[in-house]
Amino acid sequence: MYSFKGKEYPCCASLTMGIIGGKWKTVIIYHLIEGPLRYNELRKEMPTVTERTLSLQLKTLEEDGIVERKVYTTKPPLKVEYSLTEFGKTLIPLIKSIADWGNTVSQGYSEF
């Protein structure tokens, strides 16, 4: 058994998918690889995600220590940026591999 943040997983792959699984988490991480983005910048990168879903996924990624939310309050309007934590950056090779595989498949990989 594997555990992370109080949750139990039957195998290491299950743990990984428990953290980054779902339709949007991997996409969010992918867009944060190049650096911090504001909420609206993330929305522009993912036009089909609803605001509620994006907010919930960001909150979950933040709770899991993958994404950091930084609030700038020095002057109005309030500015919030999201970035990968050091722990989140350990996922970069995995996310890039997933993206590369998707590119290969989308270009008509003939072996399938």
PDB file of N, CA and C in Angstrom:
ATOM      1  N   MET A   1       0.836  -1.190   0.000  1.00  0.00           N
ATOM      2  CA  MET A   1       0.000   0.000   0.000  1.00  0.00           C
ATOM      3  C   MET A   1       0.880   1.252   0.000  1.00  0.00           C
ATOM      4  N   TYR A   2       0.417   2.246  -0.708  1.00  0.00           N
ATOM      5  CA  TYR A   2       1.095   3.534  -0.772  1.00  0.00           C
ATOM      6  C   TYR A   2       0.161   4.582  -0.171  1.00  0.00           C
ATOM      7  N   SER A   3       0.746   5.554   0.505  1.00  0.00           N
ATOM      8  CA  SER A   3      -0.102   6.605   1.068  1.00  0.00           C
ATOM      9  C   SER A   3       0.465   7.976   0.734  1.00  0.00           C
ATOM     10  N   PHE A   4      -0.443   8.935   0.605  1.00  0.00           N
ATOM     11  CA  PHE A   4      -0.071  10.319   0.321  1.00  0.00           C
ATOM     12  C   PHE A   4      -1.163  11.211   0.891  1.00  0.00           C
ATOM     13  N   LYS A   5      -0.767  12.138   1.731  1.00  0.00           N
ATOM     14  CA  LYS A   5      -1.703  13.104   2.330  1.00  0.00           C
ATOM     15  C   LYS A   5      -2.901  12.405   2.973  1.00  0.00           C
ATOM     16  N   GLY A   6      -2.648  11.297   3.654  1.00  0.00           N
ATOM     17  CA  GLY A   6      -3.703  10.592   4.379  1.00  0.00           C
ATOM     18  C   GLY A   6      -4.567   9.670   3.547  1.00  0.00           C
ATOM     19  N   LYS A   7      -4.294   9.573   2.251  1.00  0.00           N
ATOM     20  CA  LYS A   7      -5.065   8.676   1.393  1.00  0.00           C
ATOM     21  C   LYS A   7      -4.223   7.449   1.070  1.00  0.00           C
ATOM     22  N   GLU A   8      -4.878   6.311   0.958  1.00  0.00           N
ATOM     23  CA  GLU A   8      -4.210   5.055   0.645  1.00  0.00           C
ATOM     24  C   GLU A   8      -4.418   4.694  -0.824  1.00  0.00           C
ATOM     25  N   TYR A   9      -3.372   4.173  -1.448  1.00  0.00           N
ATOM     26  CA  TYR A   9      -3.420   3.771  -2.854  1.00  0.00           C
ATOM     27  C   TYR A   9      -2.854   2.358  -2.970  1.00  0.00           C
ATOM     28  N   PRO A  10      -3.453   1.520  -3.836  1.00  0.00           N
ATOM     29  CA  PRO A  10      -3.007   0.132  -3.948  1.00  0.00           C
ATOM     30  C   PRO A  10      -1.656  -0.045  -4.649  1.00  0.00           C
ATOM     31  N   CYS A  11      -1.260   0.940  -5.485  1.00  0.00           N
ATOM     32  CA  CYS A  11       0.029   0.836  -6.170  1.00  0.00           C
ATOM     33  C   CYS A  11       0.553   2.229  -6.490  1.00  0.00           C
ATOM     34  N   CYS A  12       1.796   2.301  -6.921  1.00  0.00           N
ATOM     35  CA  CYS A  12       2.421   3.596  -7.199  1.00  0.00           C
ATOM     36  C   CYS A  12       1.751   4.315  -8.374  1.00  0.00           C
ATOM     37  N   ALA A  13       1.299   3.568  -9.382  1.00  0.00           N
ATOM     38  CA  ALA A  13       0.613   4.191 -10.518  1.00  0.00           C
ATOM     39  C   ALA A  13      -0.715   4.791 -10.068  1.00  0.00           C
ATOM     40  N   SER A  14      -1.397   4.121  -9.178  1.00  0.00           N
ATOM     41  CA  SER A  14      -2.656   4.617  -8.642  1.00  0.00           C
ATOM     42  C   SER A  14      -2.438   5.907  -7.853  1.00  0.00           C
ATOM     43  N   LEU A  15      -1.352   5.970  -7.101  1.00  0.00           N
ATOM     44  CA  LEU A  15      -1.023   7.183  -6.362  1.00  0.00           C
ATOM     45  C   LEU A  15      -0.791   8.340  -7.327  1.00  0.00           C
ATOM     46  N   THR A  16       0.004   8.107  -8.356  1.00  0.00           N
ATOM     47  CA  THR A  16       0.291   9.153  -9.346  1.00  0.00           C
ATOM     48  C   THR A  16      -0.993   9.645  -9.988  1.00  0.00           C
ATOM     49  N   MET A  17      -1.844   8.732 -10.418  1.00  0.00           N
ATOM     50  CA  MET A  17      -3.086   9.129 -11.066  1.00  0.00           C
ATOM     51  C   MET A  17      -4.053   9.780 -10.082  1.00  0.00           C
ATOM     52  N   GLY A  18      -3.956   9.424  -8.821  1.00  0.00           N
ATOM     53  CA  GLY A  18      -4.769  10.073  -7.806  1.00  0.00           C
ATOM     54  C   GLY A  18      -4.420  11.543  -7.655  1.00  0.00           C
ATOM     55  N   ILE A  19      -3.172  11.877  -7.895  1.00  0.00           N
ATOM     56  CA  ILE A  19      -2.718  13.263  -7.767  1.00  0.00           C
ATOM     57  C   ILE A  19      -2.940  14.048  -9.055  1.00  0.00           C
ATOM     58  N   ILE A  20      -2.596  13.472 -10.200  1.00  0.00           N
ATOM     59  CA  ILE A  20      -2.666  14.236 -11.458  1.00  0.00           C
ATOM     60  C   ILE A  20      -3.772  13.761 -12.392  1.00  0.00           C
ATOM     61  N   GLY A  21      -4.557  12.772 -11.970  1.00  0.00           N
ATOM     62  CA  GLY A  21      -5.600  12.220 -12.823  1.00  0.00           C
ATOM     63  C   GLY A  21      -6.752  13.181 -13.036  1.00  0.00           C
ATOM     64  N   GLY A  22      -7.605  12.828 -13.942  1.00  0.00           N
ATOM     65  CA  GLY A  22      -8.738  13.677 -14.287  1.00  0.00           C
ATOM     66  C   GLY A  22      -8.444  14.436 -15.559  1.00  0.00           C
ATOM     67  N   LYS A  23      -9.436  15.139 -16.025  1.00  0.00           N
ATOM     68  CA  LYS A  23      -9.329  15.798 -17.322  1.00  0.00           C
ATOM     69  C   LYS A  23      -8.449  17.045 -17.301  1.00  0.00           C
ATOM     70  N   TRP A  24      -8.386  17.778 -16.181  1.00  0.00           N
ATOM     71  CA  TRP A  24      -7.772  19.097 -16.214  1.00  0.00           C
ATOM     72  C   TRP A  24      -6.472  19.258 -15.439  1.00  0.00           C
ATOM     73  N   LYS A  25      -6.207  18.423 -14.452  1.00  0.00           N
ATOM     74  CA  LYS A  25      -5.002  18.622 -13.636  1.00  0.00           C
ATOM     75  C   LYS A  25      -3.730  18.584 -14.461  1.00  0.00           C
ATOM     76  N   THR A  26      -3.611  17.589 -15.310  1.00  0.00           N
ATOM     77  CA  THR A  26      -2.416  17.463 -16.149  1.00  0.00           C
ATOM     78  C   THR A  26      -2.287  18.659 -17.086  1.00  0.00           C
ATOM     79  N   VAL A  27      -3.402  19.142 -17.603  1.00  0.00           N
ATOM     80  CA  VAL A  27      -3.401  20.299 -18.505  1.00  0.00           C
ATOM     81  C   VAL A  27      -2.932  21.552 -17.764  1.00  0.00           C
ATOM     82  N   ILE A  28      -3.417  21.731 -16.543  1.00  0.00           N
ATOM     83  CA  ILE A  28      -2.991  22.872 -15.728  1.00  0.00           C
ATOM     84  C   ILE A  28      -1.489  22.816 -15.485  1.00  0.00           C
ATOM     85  N   ILE A  29      -1.006  21.660 -15.074  1.00  0.00           N
ATOM     86  CA  ILE A  29       0.435  21.497 -14.814  1.00  0.00           C
ATOM     87  C   ILE A  29       1.224  21.780 -16.089  1.00  0.00           C
ATOM     88  N   TYR A  30       0.750  21.260 -17.215  1.00  0.00           N
ATOM     89  CA  TYR A  30       1.423  21.472 -18.495  1.00  0.00           C
ATOM     90  C   TYR A  30       1.581  22.968 -18.791  1.00  0.00           C
ATOM     91  N   HIS A  31       0.545  23.740 -18.574  1.00  0.00           N
ATOM     92  CA  HIS A  31       0.596  25.176 -18.871  1.00  0.00           C
ATOM     93  C   HIS A  31       1.450  25.958 -17.870  1.00  0.00           C
ATOM     94  N   LEU A  32       1.667  25.391 -16.696  1.00  0.00           N
ATOM     95  CA  LEU A  32       2.499  26.075 -15.695  1.00  0.00           C
ATOM     96  C   LEU A  32       3.982  25.709 -15.793  1.00  0.00           C
ATOM     97  N   ILE A  33       4.327  24.811 -16.697  1.00  0.00           N
ATOM     98  CA  ILE A  33       5.728  24.398 -16.841  1.00  0.00           C
ATOM     99  C   ILE A  33       6.620  25.584 -17.180  1.00  0.00           C
ATOM    100  N   GLU A  34       6.159  26.462 -18.055  1.00  0.00           N
ATOM    101  CA  GLU A  34       6.981  27.589 -18.506  1.00  0.00           C
ATOM    102  C   GLU A  34       7.090  28.708 -17.476  1.00  0.00           C
ATOM    103  N   GLY A  35       6.243  28.698 -16.462  1.00  0.00           N
ATOM    104  CA  GLY A  35       6.314  29.724 -15.431  1.00  0.00           C
ATOM    105  C   GLY A  35       4.936  30.092 -14.909  1.00  0.00           C
ATOM    106  N   PRO A  36       4.899  31.011 -13.951  1.00  0.00           N
ATOM    107  CA  PRO A  36       3.641  31.396 -13.313  1.00  0.00           C
ATOM    108  C   PRO A  36       2.646  32.007 -14.299  1.00  0.00           C
ATOM    109  N   LEU A  37       1.375  31.741 -14.035  1.00  0.00           N
ATOM    110  CA  LEU A  37       0.292  32.317 -14.829  1.00  0.00           C
ATOM    111  C   LEU A  37      -0.800  32.809 -13.891  1.00  0.00           C
ATOM    112  N   ARG A  38      -1.462  33.870 -14.297  1.00  0.00           N
ATOM    113  CA  ARG A  38      -2.617  34.343 -13.568  1.00  0.00           C
ATOM    114  C   ARG A  38      -3.817  33.486 -13.937  1.00  0.00           C
ATOM    115  N   TYR A  39      -4.843  33.558 -13.111  1.00  0.00           N
ATOM    116  CA  TYR A  39      -6.040  32.741 -13.322  1.00  0.00           C
ATOM    117  C   TYR A  39      -6.611  32.934 -14.734  1.00  0.00           C
ATOM    118  N   ASN A  40      -6.767  34.183 -15.155  1.00  0.00           N
ATOM    119  CA  ASN A  40      -7.344  34.447 -16.480  1.00  0.00           C
ATOM    120  C   ASN A  40      -6.439  33.978 -17.611  1.00  0.00           C
ATOM    121  N   GLU A  41      -5.135  33.982 -17.397  1.00  0.00           N
ATOM    122  CA  GLU A  41      -4.215  33.456 -18.408  1.00  0.00           C
ATOM    123  C   GLU A  41      -4.413  31.953 -18.557  1.00  0.00           C
ATOM    124  N   LEU A  42      -4.607  31.264 -17.434  1.00  0.00           N
ATOM    125  CA  LEU A  42      -4.897  29.830 -17.492  1.00  0.00           C
ATOM    126  C   LEU A  42      -6.221  29.578 -18.214  1.00  0.00           C
ATOM    127  N   ARG A  43      -7.228  30.388 -17.931  1.00  0.00           N
ATOM    128  CA  ARG A  43      -8.527  30.244 -18.596  1.00  0.00           C
ATOM    129  C   ARG A  43      -8.390  30.396 -20.103  1.00  0.00           C
ATOM    130  N   LYS A  44      -7.554  31.333 -20.557  1.00  0.00           N
ATOM    131  CA  LYS A  44      -7.356  31.530 -21.993  1.00  0.00           C
ATOM    132  C   LYS A  44      -6.679  30.321 -22.626  1.00  0.00           C
ATOM    133  N   GLU A  45      -5.794  29.671 -21.889  1.00  0.00           N
ATOM    134  CA  GLU A  45      -5.107  28.474 -22.392  1.00  0.00           C
ATOM    135  C   GLU A  45      -6.049  27.272 -22.465  1.00  0.00           C
ATOM    136  N   MET A  46      -7.097  27.294 -21.641  1.00  0.00           N
ATOM    137  CA  MET A  46      -8.045  26.175 -21.569  1.00  0.00           C
ATOM    138  C   MET A  46      -9.464  26.717 -21.712  1.00  0.00           C
ATOM    139  N   PRO A  47      -9.843  27.158 -22.904  1.00  0.00           N
ATOM    140  CA  PRO A  47     -11.130  27.839 -23.076  1.00  0.00           C
ATOM    141  C   PRO A  47     -12.360  26.976 -22.795  1.00  0.00           C
ATOM    142  N   THR A  48     -12.236  25.658 -22.807  1.00  0.00           N
ATOM    143  CA  THR A  48     -13.412  24.810 -22.600  1.00  0.00           C
ATOM    144  C   THR A  48     -13.632  24.422 -21.136  1.00  0.00           C
ATOM    145  N   VAL A  49     -12.697  24.763 -20.251  1.00  0.00           N
ATOM    146  CA  VAL A  49     -12.886  24.445 -18.834  1.00  0.00           C
ATOM    147  C   VAL A  49     -13.798  25.501 -18.204  1.00  0.00           C
ATOM    148  N   THR A  50     -14.677  25.060 -17.321  1.00  0.00           N
ATOM    149  CA  THR A  50     -15.533  26.021 -16.630  1.00  0.00           C
ATOM    150  C   THR A  50     -14.742  26.687 -15.502  1.00  0.00           C
ATOM    151  N   GLU A  51     -15.188  27.859 -15.107  1.00  0.00           N
ATOM    152  CA  GLU A  51     -14.510  28.574 -14.019  1.00  0.00           C
ATOM    153  C   GLU A  51     -14.535  27.761 -12.739  1.00  0.00           C
ATOM    154  N   ARG A  52     -15.659  27.148 -12.451  1.00  0.00           N
ATOM    155  CA  ARG A  52     -15.787  26.342 -11.236  1.00  0.00           C
ATOM    156  C   ARG A  52     -14.809  25.180 -11.240  1.00  0.00           C
ATOM    157  N   THR A  53     -14.738  24.475 -12.355  1.00  0.00           N
ATOM    158  CA  THR A  53     -13.833  23.334 -12.459  1.00  0.00           C
ATOM    159  C   THR A  53     -12.381  23.777 -12.319  1.00  0.00           C
ATOM    160  N   LEU A  54     -12.005  24.848 -13.004  1.00  0.00           N
ATOM    161  CA  LEU A  54     -10.634  25.340 -12.915  1.00  0.00           C
ATOM    162  C   LEU A  54     -10.296  25.717 -11.479  1.00  0.00           C
ATOM    163  N   SER A  55     -11.188  26.420 -10.814  1.00  0.00           N
ATOM    164  CA  SER A  55     -10.958  26.813  -9.424  1.00  0.00           C
ATOM    165  C   SER A  55     -10.797  25.602  -8.519  1.00  0.00           C
ATOM    166  N   LEU A  56     -11.670  24.610  -8.678  1.00  0.00           N
ATOM    167  CA  LEU A  56     -11.592  23.402  -7.850  1.00  0.00           C
ATOM    168  C   LEU A  56     -10.315  22.612  -8.106  1.00  0.00           C
ATOM    169  N   GLN A  57      -9.929  22.487  -9.374  1.00  0.00           N
ATOM    170  CA  GLN A  57      -8.722  21.737  -9.707  1.00  0.00           C
ATOM    171  C   GLN A  57      -7.472  22.445  -9.182  1.00  0.00           C
ATOM    172  N   LEU A  58      -7.440  23.777  -9.307  1.00  0.00           N
ATOM    173  CA  LEU A  58      -6.313  24.537  -8.767  1.00  0.00           C
ATOM    174  C   LEU A  58      -6.229  24.379  -7.253  1.00  0.00           C
ATOM    175  N   LYS A  59      -7.378  24.408  -6.595  1.00  0.00           N
ATOM    176  CA  LYS A  59      -7.408  24.242  -5.141  1.00  0.00           C
ATOM    177  C   LYS A  59      -6.887  22.868  -4.735  1.00  0.00           C
ATOM    178  N   THR A  60      -7.316  21.833  -5.449  1.00  0.00           N
ATOM    179  CA  THR A  60      -6.854  20.473  -5.161  1.00  0.00           C
ATOM    180  C   THR A  60      -5.356  20.339  -5.390  1.00  0.00           C
ATOM    181  N   LEU A  61      -4.863  20.889  -6.502  1.00  0.00           N
ATOM    182  CA  LEU A  61      -3.424  20.840  -6.786  1.00  0.00           C
ATOM    183  C   LEU A  61      -2.636  21.612  -5.725  1.00  0.00           C
ATOM    184  N   GLU A  62      -3.203  22.688  -5.236  1.00  0.00           N
ATOM    185  CA  GLU A  62      -2.551  23.455  -4.177  1.00  0.00           C
ATOM    186  C   GLU A  62      -2.518  22.648  -2.874  1.00  0.00           C
ATOM    187  N   GLU A  63      -3.615  22.007  -2.535  1.00  0.00           N
ATOM    188  CA  GLU A  63      -3.685  21.175  -1.329  1.00  0.00           C
ATOM    189  C   GLU A  63      -2.693  20.019  -1.383  1.00  0.00           C
ATOM    190  N   ASP A  64      -2.470  19.483  -2.584  1.00  0.00           N
ATOM    191  CA  ASP A  64      -1.527  18.374  -2.751  1.00  0.00           C
ATOM    192  C   ASP A  64      -0.077  18.834  -2.852  1.00  0.00           C
ATOM    193  N   GLY A  65       0.147  20.141  -2.830  1.00  0.00           N
ATOM    194  CA  GLY A  65       1.511  20.664  -2.859  1.00  0.00           C
ATOM    195  C   GLY A  65       2.123  20.729  -4.241  1.00  0.00           C
ATOM    196  N   ILE A  66       1.308  20.637  -5.282  1.00  0.00           N
ATOM    197  CA  ILE A  66       1.797  20.660  -6.663  1.00  0.00           C
ATOM    198  C   ILE A  66       1.866  22.096  -7.183  1.00  0.00           C
ATOM    199  N   VAL A  67       0.868  22.883  -6.839  1.00  0.00           N
ATOM    200  CA  VAL A  67       0.753  24.262  -7.308  1.00  0.00           C
ATOM    201  C   VAL A  67       0.779  25.209  -6.127  1.00  0.00           C
ATOM    202  N   GLU A  68       1.416  26.345  -6.344  1.00  0.00           N
ATOM    203  CA  GLU A  68       1.462  27.390  -5.325  1.00  0.00           C
ATOM    204  C   GLU A  68       0.635  28.578  -5.806  1.00  0.00           C
ATOM    205  N   ARG A  69      -0.151  29.126  -4.915  1.00  0.00           N
ATOM    206  CA  ARG A  69      -0.979  30.301  -5.211  1.00  0.00           C
ATOM    207  C   ARG A  69      -0.360  31.481  -4.478  1.00  0.00           C
ATOM    208  N   LYS A  70       0.016  32.502  -5.232  1.00  0.00           N
ATOM    209  CA  LYS A  70       0.634  33.674  -4.639  1.00  0.00           C
ATOM    210  C   LYS A  70      -0.256  34.885  -4.890  1.00  0.00           C
ATOM    211  N   VAL A  71      -0.610  35.572  -3.803  1.00  0.00           N
ATOM    212  CA  VAL A  71      -1.479  36.740  -3.885  1.00  0.00           C
ATOM    213  C   VAL A  71      -0.637  37.991  -3.685  1.00  0.00           C
ATOM    214  N   TYR A  72      -0.756  38.915  -4.624  1.00  0.00           N
ATOM    215  CA  TYR A  72      -0.059  40.195  -4.526  1.00  0.00           C
ATOM    216  C   TYR A  72      -1.081  41.245  -4.101  1.00  0.00           C
ATOM    217  N   THR A  73      -0.843  41.868  -2.952  1.00  0.00           N
ATOM    218  CA  THR A  73      -1.806  42.838  -2.428  1.00  0.00           C
ATOM    219  C   THR A  73      -1.219  44.247  -2.331  1.00  0.00           C
ATOM    220  N   THR A  74      -0.077  44.472  -2.962  1.00  0.00           N
ATOM    221  CA  THR A  74       0.584  45.772  -2.831  1.00  0.00           C
ATOM    222  C   THR A  74      -0.233  46.917  -3.389  1.00  0.00           C
ATOM    223  N   LYS A  75      -0.949  46.668  -4.469  1.00  0.00           N
ATOM    224  CA  LYS A  75      -1.809  47.718  -5.018  1.00  0.00           C
ATOM    225  C   LYS A  75      -2.992  47.072  -5.734  1.00  0.00           C
ATOM    226  N   PRO A  76      -4.139  47.740  -5.683  1.00  0.00           N
ATOM    227  CA  PRO A  76      -5.307  47.189  -6.393  1.00  0.00           C
ATOM    228  C   PRO A  76      -5.097  47.248  -7.897  1.00  0.00           C
ATOM    229  N   PRO A  77      -5.687  46.401  -8.695  1.00  0.00           N
ATOM    230  CA  PRO A  77      -6.519  45.291  -8.259  1.00  0.00           C
ATOM    231  C   PRO A  77      -5.675  44.118  -7.753  1.00  0.00           C
ATOM    232  N   LEU A  78      -6.292  43.268  -6.986  1.00  0.00           N
ATOM    233  CA  LEU A  78      -5.640  42.095  -6.436  1.00  0.00           C
ATOM    234  C   LEU A  78      -5.097  41.229  -7.576  1.00  0.00           C
ATOM    235  N   LYS A  79      -3.877  40.746  -7.417  1.00  0.00           N
ATOM    236  CA  LYS A  79      -3.258  39.908  -8.448  1.00  0.00           C
ATOM    237  C   LYS A  79      -2.931  38.550  -7.833  1.00  0.00           C
ATOM    238  N   VAL A  80      -3.349  37.485  -8.491  1.00  0.00           N
ATOM    239  CA  VAL A  80      -3.090  36.127  -8.026  1.00  0.00           C
ATOM    240  C   VAL A  80      -2.382  35.367  -9.137  1.00  0.00           C
ATOM    241  N   GLU A  81      -1.261  34.747  -8.794  1.00  0.00           N
ATOM    242  CA  GLU A  81      -0.508  33.927  -9.750  1.00  0.00           C
ATOM    243  C   GLU A  81      -0.418  32.503  -9.247  1.00  0.00           C
ATOM    244  N   TYR A  82      -0.411  31.583 -10.190  1.00  0.00           N
ATOM    245  CA  TYR A  82      -0.243  30.164  -9.884  1.00  0.00           C
ATOM    246  C   TYR A  82       1.062  29.692 -10.513  1.00  0.00           C
ATOM    247  N   SER A  83       1.799  28.893  -9.760  1.00  0.00           N
ATOM    248  CA  SER A  83       3.055  28.349 -10.279  1.00  0.00           C
ATOM    249  C   SER A  83       3.264  26.959  -9.696  1.00  0.00           C
ATOM    250  N   LEU A  84       4.167  26.223 -10.311  1.00  0.00           N
ATOM    251  CA  LEU A  84       4.509  24.901  -9.792  1.00  0.00           C
ATOM    252  C   LEU A  84       5.426  25.053  -8.588  1.00  0.00           C
ATOM    253  N   THR A  85       5.191  24.243  -7.571  1.00  0.00           N
ATOM    254  CA  THR A  85       6.101  24.189  -6.437  1.00  0.00           C
ATOM    255  C   THR A  85       7.306  23.351  -6.846  1.00  0.00           C
ATOM    256  N   GLU A  86       8.299  23.283  -5.984  1.00  0.00           N
ATOM    257  CA  GLU A  86       9.450  22.408  -6.278  1.00  0.00           C
ATOM    258  C   GLU A  86       8.984  20.961  -6.418  1.00  0.00           C
ATOM    259  N   PHE A  87       8.044  20.553  -5.569  1.00  0.00           N
ATOM    260  CA  PHE A  87       7.464  19.214  -5.668  1.00  0.00           C
ATOM    261  C   PHE A  87       6.721  19.052  -6.986  1.00  0.00           C
ATOM    262  N   GLY A  88       5.973  20.065  -7.382  1.00  0.00           N
ATOM    263  CA  GLY A  88       5.244  20.032  -8.644  1.00  0.00           C
ATOM    264  C   GLY A  88       6.169  19.933  -9.840  1.00  0.00           C
ATOM    265  N   LYS A  89       7.334  20.571  -9.750  1.00  0.00           N
ATOM    266  CA  LYS A  89       8.302  20.535 -10.857  1.00  0.00           C
ATOM    267  C   LYS A  89       8.853  19.136 -11.086  1.00  0.00           C
ATOM    268  N   THR A  90       8.764  18.258 -10.081  1.00  0.00           N
ATOM    269  CA  THR A  90       9.225  16.882 -10.288  1.00  0.00           C
ATOM    270  C   THR A  90       8.336  16.144 -11.291  1.00  0.00           C
ATOM    271  N   LEU A  91       7.146  16.685 -11.560  1.00  0.00           N
ATOM    272  CA  LEU A  91       6.226  16.076 -12.528  1.00  0.00           C
ATOM    273  C   LEU A  91       6.515  16.493 -13.968  1.00  0.00           C
ATOM    274  N   ILE A  92       7.379  17.473 -14.171  1.00  0.00           N
ATOM    275  CA  ILE A  92       7.620  17.994 -15.524  1.00  0.00           C
ATOM    276  C   ILE A  92       8.021  16.904 -16.524  1.00  0.00           C
ATOM    277  N   PRO A  93       8.990  16.036 -16.212  1.00  0.00           N
ATOM    278  CA  PRO A  93       9.335  14.993 -17.207  1.00  0.00           C
ATOM    279  C   PRO A  93       8.136  14.096 -17.552  1.00  0.00           C
ATOM    280  N   LEU A  94       7.334  13.762 -16.556  1.00  0.00           N
ATOM    281  CA  LEU A  94       6.160  12.927 -16.788  1.00  0.00           C
ATOM    282  C   LEU A  94       5.140  13.648 -17.668  1.00  0.00           C
ATOM    283  N   ILE A  95       4.860  14.907 -17.368  1.00  0.00           N
ATOM    284  CA  ILE A  95       3.878  15.682 -18.129  1.00  0.00           C
ATOM    285  C   ILE A  95       4.363  15.882 -19.563  1.00  0.00           C
ATOM    286  N   LYS A  96       5.664  16.145 -19.732  1.00  0.00           N
ATOM    287  CA  LYS A  96       6.205  16.295 -21.085  1.00  0.00           C
ATOM    288  C   LYS A  96       6.097  14.994 -21.867  1.00  0.00           C
ATOM    289  N   SER A  97       6.323  13.861 -21.209  1.00  0.00           N
ATOM    290  CA  SER A  97       6.179  12.566 -21.879  1.00  0.00           C
ATOM    291  C   SER A  97       4.737  12.328 -22.306  1.00  0.00           C
ATOM    292  N   ILE A  98       3.796  12.678 -21.448  1.00  0.00           N
ATOM    293  CA  ILE A  98       2.377  12.539 -21.787  1.00  0.00           C
ATOM    294  C   ILE A  98       2.046  13.420 -22.990  1.00  0.00           C
ATOM    295  N   ALA A  99       2.538  14.668 -22.987  1.00  0.00           N
ATOM    296  CA  ALA A  99       2.284  15.592 -24.099  1.00  0.00           C
ATOM    297  C   ALA A  99       2.924  15.078 -25.390  1.00  0.00           C
ATOM    298  N   ASP A 100       4.137  14.565 -25.301  1.00  0.00           N
ATOM    299  CA  ASP A 100       4.814  14.023 -26.478  1.00  0.00           C
ATOM    300  C   ASP A 100       4.039  12.847 -27.060  1.00  0.00           C
ATOM    301  N   TRP A 101       3.540  11.968 -26.191  1.00  0.00           N
ATOM    302  CA  TRP A 101       2.760  10.830 -26.652  1.00  0.00           C
ATOM    303  C   TRP A 101       1.500  11.317 -27.359  1.00  0.00           C
ATOM    304  N   GLY A 102       0.843  12.312 -26.788  1.00  0.00           N
ATOM    305  CA  GLY A 102      -0.358  12.879 -27.412  1.00  0.00           C
ATOM    306  C   GLY A 102      -0.056  13.472 -28.778  1.00  0.00           C
ATOM    307  N   ASN A 103       1.083  14.156 -28.908  1.00  0.00           N
ATOM    308  CA  ASN A 103       1.483  14.704 -30.211  1.00  0.00           C
ATOM    309  C   ASN A 103       1.700  13.591 -31.226  1.00  0.00           C
ATOM    310  N   THR A 104       2.365  12.522 -30.805  1.00  0.00           N
ATOM    311  CA  THR A 104       2.624  11.389 -31.693  1.00  0.00           C
ATOM    312  C   THR A 104       1.323  10.769 -32.182  1.00  0.00           C
ATOM    313  N   VAL A 105       0.406  10.539 -31.271  1.00  0.00           N
ATOM    314  CA  VAL A 105      -0.880   9.920 -31.624  1.00  0.00           C
ATOM    315  C   VAL A 105      -1.688  10.837 -32.527  1.00  0.00           C
ATOM    316  N   SER A 106      -1.679  12.130 -32.241  1.00  0.00           N
ATOM    317  CA  SER A 106      -2.480  13.066 -33.030  1.00  0.00           C
ATOM    318  C   SER A 106      -1.955  13.215 -34.461  1.00  0.00           C
ATOM    319  N   GLN A 107      -0.712  12.857 -34.679  1.00  0.00           N
ATOM    320  CA  GLN A 107      -0.122  12.942 -36.015  1.00  0.00           C
ATOM    321  C   GLN A 107      -0.280  11.645 -36.785  1.00  0.00           C
ATOM    322  N   GLY A 108      -1.139  10.784 -36.256  1.00  0.00           N
ATOM    323  CA  GLY A 108      -1.470   9.559 -36.991  1.00  0.00           C
ATOM    324  C   GLY A 108      -0.448   8.459 -36.863  1.00  0.00           C
ATOM    325  N   TYR A 109      -0.025   8.170 -35.669  1.00  0.00           N
ATOM    326  CA  TYR A 109       0.925   7.081 -35.436  1.00  0.00           C
ATOM    327  C   TYR A 109       0.332   5.792 -35.998  1.00  0.00           C
ATOM    328  N   SER A 110       0.990   5.221 -36.978  1.00  0.00           N
ATOM    329  CA  SER A 110       0.418   4.107 -37.749  1.00  0.00           C
ATOM    330  C   SER A 110       0.522   2.747 -37.065  1.00  0.00           C
ATOM    331  N   GLU A 111       1.215   2.653 -35.961  1.00  0.00           N
ATOM    332  CA  GLU A 111       1.378   1.363 -35.296  1.00  0.00           C
ATOM    333  C   GLU A 111       0.130   0.948 -34.520  1.00  0.00           C
ATOM    334  N   PHE A 112      -0.825   1.838 -34.320  1.00  0.00           N
ATOM    335  CA  PHE A 112      -2.013   1.518 -33.529  1.00  0.00           C
ATOM    336  C   PHE A 112      -3.059   0.837 -34.364  1.00  0.00           C
TER     337      PHE A 112
END
